Amino acid sequence: MNEGEAIDVAQEAILTLLLMAGPVMAVALTIGLIIALFQALTQLQEMTLVFVPKIVIVFVSLLLFLPFMLAQISAFFEGLADKIIGLP
């Protein structure tokens, strides 16, 4: 494996990481913004109001996005295995 192939594998790994983590992080960001807006409008500064709904919704989004995430990681590993098998 030369440097170009190693860089390609690293780029694919980073892209796979972003595709896997992106949807869950977007959900967490959106819920955080909604809760912060709610706290600013109502002037409630309860810390559990931030953490409990966000944790629950992130877990639910993980369950919903799990098939997509598994498909992405398995496609990455299949491509990586094909590259390893194809080495001279």
C-alpha atoms as a PDB file:
ATOM      1  CA  MET A   1       0.000   0.000   0.000  1.00  0.00           C
ATOM      2  CA  ASN A   2       1.467   3.298  -1.011  1.00  0.00           C
ATOM      3  CA  GLU A   3       0.778   6.740   0.402  1.00  0.00           C
ATOM      4  CA  GLY A   4      -2.004   7.518  -2.066  1.00  0.00           C
ATOM      5  CA  GLU A   5      -3.972   4.417  -1.141  1.00  0.00           C
ATOM      6  CA  ALA A   6      -3.490   5.130   2.570  1.00  0.00           C
ATOM      7  CA  ILE A   7      -4.803   8.666   2.078  1.00  0.00           C
ATOM      8  CA  ASP A   8      -7.799   7.301   0.151  1.00  0.00           C
ATOM      9  CA  VAL A   9      -8.594   4.891   2.991  1.00  0.00           C
ATOM     10  CA  ALA A  10      -8.273   7.702   5.535  1.00  0.00           C
ATOM     11  CA  GLN A  11     -10.568   9.942   3.479  1.00  0.00           C
ATOM     12  CA  GLU A  12     -13.161   7.170   3.188  1.00  0.00           C
ATOM     13  CA  ALA A  13     -12.917   6.542   6.933  1.00  0.00           C
ATOM     14  CA  ILE A  14     -13.501  10.214   7.731  1.00  0.00           C
ATOM     15  CA  LEU A  15     -16.420  10.400   5.300  1.00  0.00           C
ATOM     16  CA  THR A  16     -17.935   7.265   6.835  1.00  0.00           C
ATOM     17  CA  LEU A  17     -17.487   8.740  10.306  1.00  0.00           C
ATOM     18  CA  LEU A  18     -19.260  11.943   9.267  1.00  0.00           C
ATOM     19  CA  LEU A  19     -22.080  10.021   7.607  1.00  0.00           C
ATOM     20  CA  MET A  20     -22.572   7.901  10.705  1.00  0.00           C
ATOM     21  CA  ALA A  21     -22.318  10.625  13.335  1.00  0.00           C
ATOM     22  CA  GLY A  22     -23.869  13.478  11.362  1.00  0.00           C
ATOM     23  CA  PRO A  23     -27.566  12.656  11.679  1.00  0.00           C
ATOM     24  CA  VAL A  24     -27.397  11.981  15.420  1.00  0.00           C
ATOM     25  CA  MET A  25     -25.336  15.113  16.017  1.00  0.00           C
ATOM     26  CA  ALA A  26     -27.798  17.167  13.956  1.00  0.00           C
ATOM     27  CA  VAL A  27     -30.689  15.845  16.048  1.00  0.00           C
ATOM     28  CA  ALA A  28     -28.811  16.654  19.279  1.00  0.00           C
ATOM     29  CA  LEU A  29     -28.001  20.157  18.028  1.00  0.00           C
ATOM     30  CA  THR A  30     -31.589  20.817  16.976  1.00  0.00           C
ATOM     31  CA  ILE A  31     -33.013  19.598  20.280  1.00  0.00           C
ATOM     32  CA  GLY A  32     -30.420  21.632  22.197  1.00  0.00           C
ATOM     33  CA  LEU A  33     -31.393  24.773  20.306  1.00  0.00           C
ATOM     34  CA  ILE A  34     -35.099  24.151  20.872  1.00  0.00           C
ATOM     35  CA  ILE A  35     -34.578  23.588  24.593  1.00  0.00           C
ATOM     36  CA  ALA A  36     -32.346  26.670  24.867  1.00  0.00           C
ATOM     37  CA  LEU A  37     -34.983  28.758  23.104  1.00  0.00           C
ATOM     38  CA  PHE A  38     -37.655  27.384  25.433  1.00  0.00           C
ATOM     39  CA  GLN A  39     -35.502  28.197  28.463  1.00  0.00           C
ATOM     40  CA  ALA A  40     -34.821  31.703  27.203  1.00  0.00           C
ATOM     41  CA  LEU A  41     -38.501  32.369  26.553  1.00  0.00           C
ATOM     42  CA  THR A  42     -39.725  30.982  29.871  1.00  0.00           C
ATOM     43  CA  GLN A  43     -36.660  31.926  31.956  1.00  0.00           C
ATOM     44  CA  LEU A  44     -36.498  28.395  33.361  1.00  0.00           C
ATOM     45  CA  GLN A  45     -32.887  27.551  34.170  1.00  0.00           C
ATOM     46  CA  GLU A  46     -33.344  23.969  35.321  1.00  0.00           C
ATOM     47  CA  MET A  47     -30.359  21.815  34.298  1.00  0.00           C
ATOM     48  CA  THR A  48     -32.333  18.572  34.108  1.00  0.00           C
ATOM     49  CA  LEU A  49     -34.549  20.227  31.518  1.00  0.00           C
ATOM     50  CA  VAL A  50     -31.530  20.275  29.211  1.00  0.00           C
ATOM     51  CA  PHE A  51     -30.069  16.817  29.768  1.00  0.00           C
ATOM     52  CA  VAL A  52     -33.009  14.444  30.160  1.00  0.00           C
ATOM     53  CA  PRO A  53     -34.920  15.246  26.940  1.00  0.00           C
ATOM     54  CA  LYS A  54     -31.708  15.487  24.942  1.00  0.00           C
ATOM     55  CA  ILE A  55     -30.461  12.095  26.157  1.00  0.00           C
ATOM     56  CA  VAL A  56     -33.807  10.437  25.473  1.00  0.00           C
ATOM     57  CA  ILE A  57     -34.116  11.930  21.989  1.00  0.00           C
ATOM     58  CA  VAL A  58     -30.502  11.090  21.098  1.00  0.00           C
ATOM     59  CA  PHE A  59     -31.080   7.459  22.143  1.00  0.00           C
ATOM     60  CA  VAL A  60     -34.254   7.325  20.059  1.00  0.00           C
ATOM     61  CA  SER A  61     -32.452   8.838  17.080  1.00  0.00           C
ATOM     62  CA  LEU A  62     -29.666   6.272  17.512  1.00  0.00           C
ATOM     63  CA  LEU A  63     -32.268   3.520  17.311  1.00  0.00           C
ATOM     64  CA  LEU A  64     -33.837   5.084  14.233  1.00  0.00           C
ATOM     65  CA  PHE A  65     -30.538   5.704  12.418  1.00  0.00           C
ATOM     66  CA  LEU A  66     -28.946   2.390  13.433  1.00  0.00           C
ATOM     67  CA  PRO A  67     -29.806   0.533  10.173  1.00  0.00           C
ATOM     68  CA  PHE A  68     -28.343   3.391   8.115  1.00  0.00           C
ATOM     69  CA  MET A  69     -25.247   3.524  10.302  1.00  0.00           C
ATOM     70  CA  LEU A  70     -24.720  -0.235  10.071  1.00  0.00           C
ATOM     71  CA  ALA A  71     -25.081  -0.110   6.291  1.00  0.00           C
ATOM     72  CA  GLN A  72     -22.478   2.653   6.077  1.00  0.00           C
ATOM     73  CA  ILE A  73     -19.931   0.915   8.284  1.00  0.00           C
ATOM     74  CA  SER A  74     -20.411  -2.456   6.611  1.00  0.00           C
ATOM     75  CA  ALA A  75     -19.973  -0.888   3.154  1.00  0.00           C
ATOM     76  CA  PHE A  76     -16.785   0.779   4.363  1.00  0.00           C
ATOM     77  CA  PHE A  77     -15.406  -2.449   5.807  1.00  0.00           C
ATOM     78  CA  GLU A  78     -16.343  -4.444   2.704  1.00  0.00           C
ATOM     79  CA  GLY A  79     -14.499  -1.924   0.548  1.00  0.00           C
ATOM     80  CA  LEU A  80     -11.539  -2.024   2.911  1.00  0.00           C
ATOM     81  CA  ALA A  81     -11.488  -5.827   2.855  1.00  0.00           C
ATOM     82  CA  ASP A  82     -11.602  -5.787  -0.946  1.00  0.00           C
ATOM     83  CA  LYS A  83      -8.630  -3.428  -0.977  1.00  0.00           C
ATOM     84  CA  ILE A  84      -6.716  -5.661   1.453  1.00  0.00           C
ATOM     85  CA  ILE A  85      -7.486  -8.799  -0.566  1.00  0.00           C
ATOM     86  CA  GLY A  86      -6.487  -7.048  -3.790  1.00  0.00           C
ATOM     87  CA  LEU A  87      -3.023  -6.178  -2.485  1.00  0.00           C
ATOM     88  CA  PRO A  88      -0.152  -7.853  -4.386  1.00  0.00           C
END
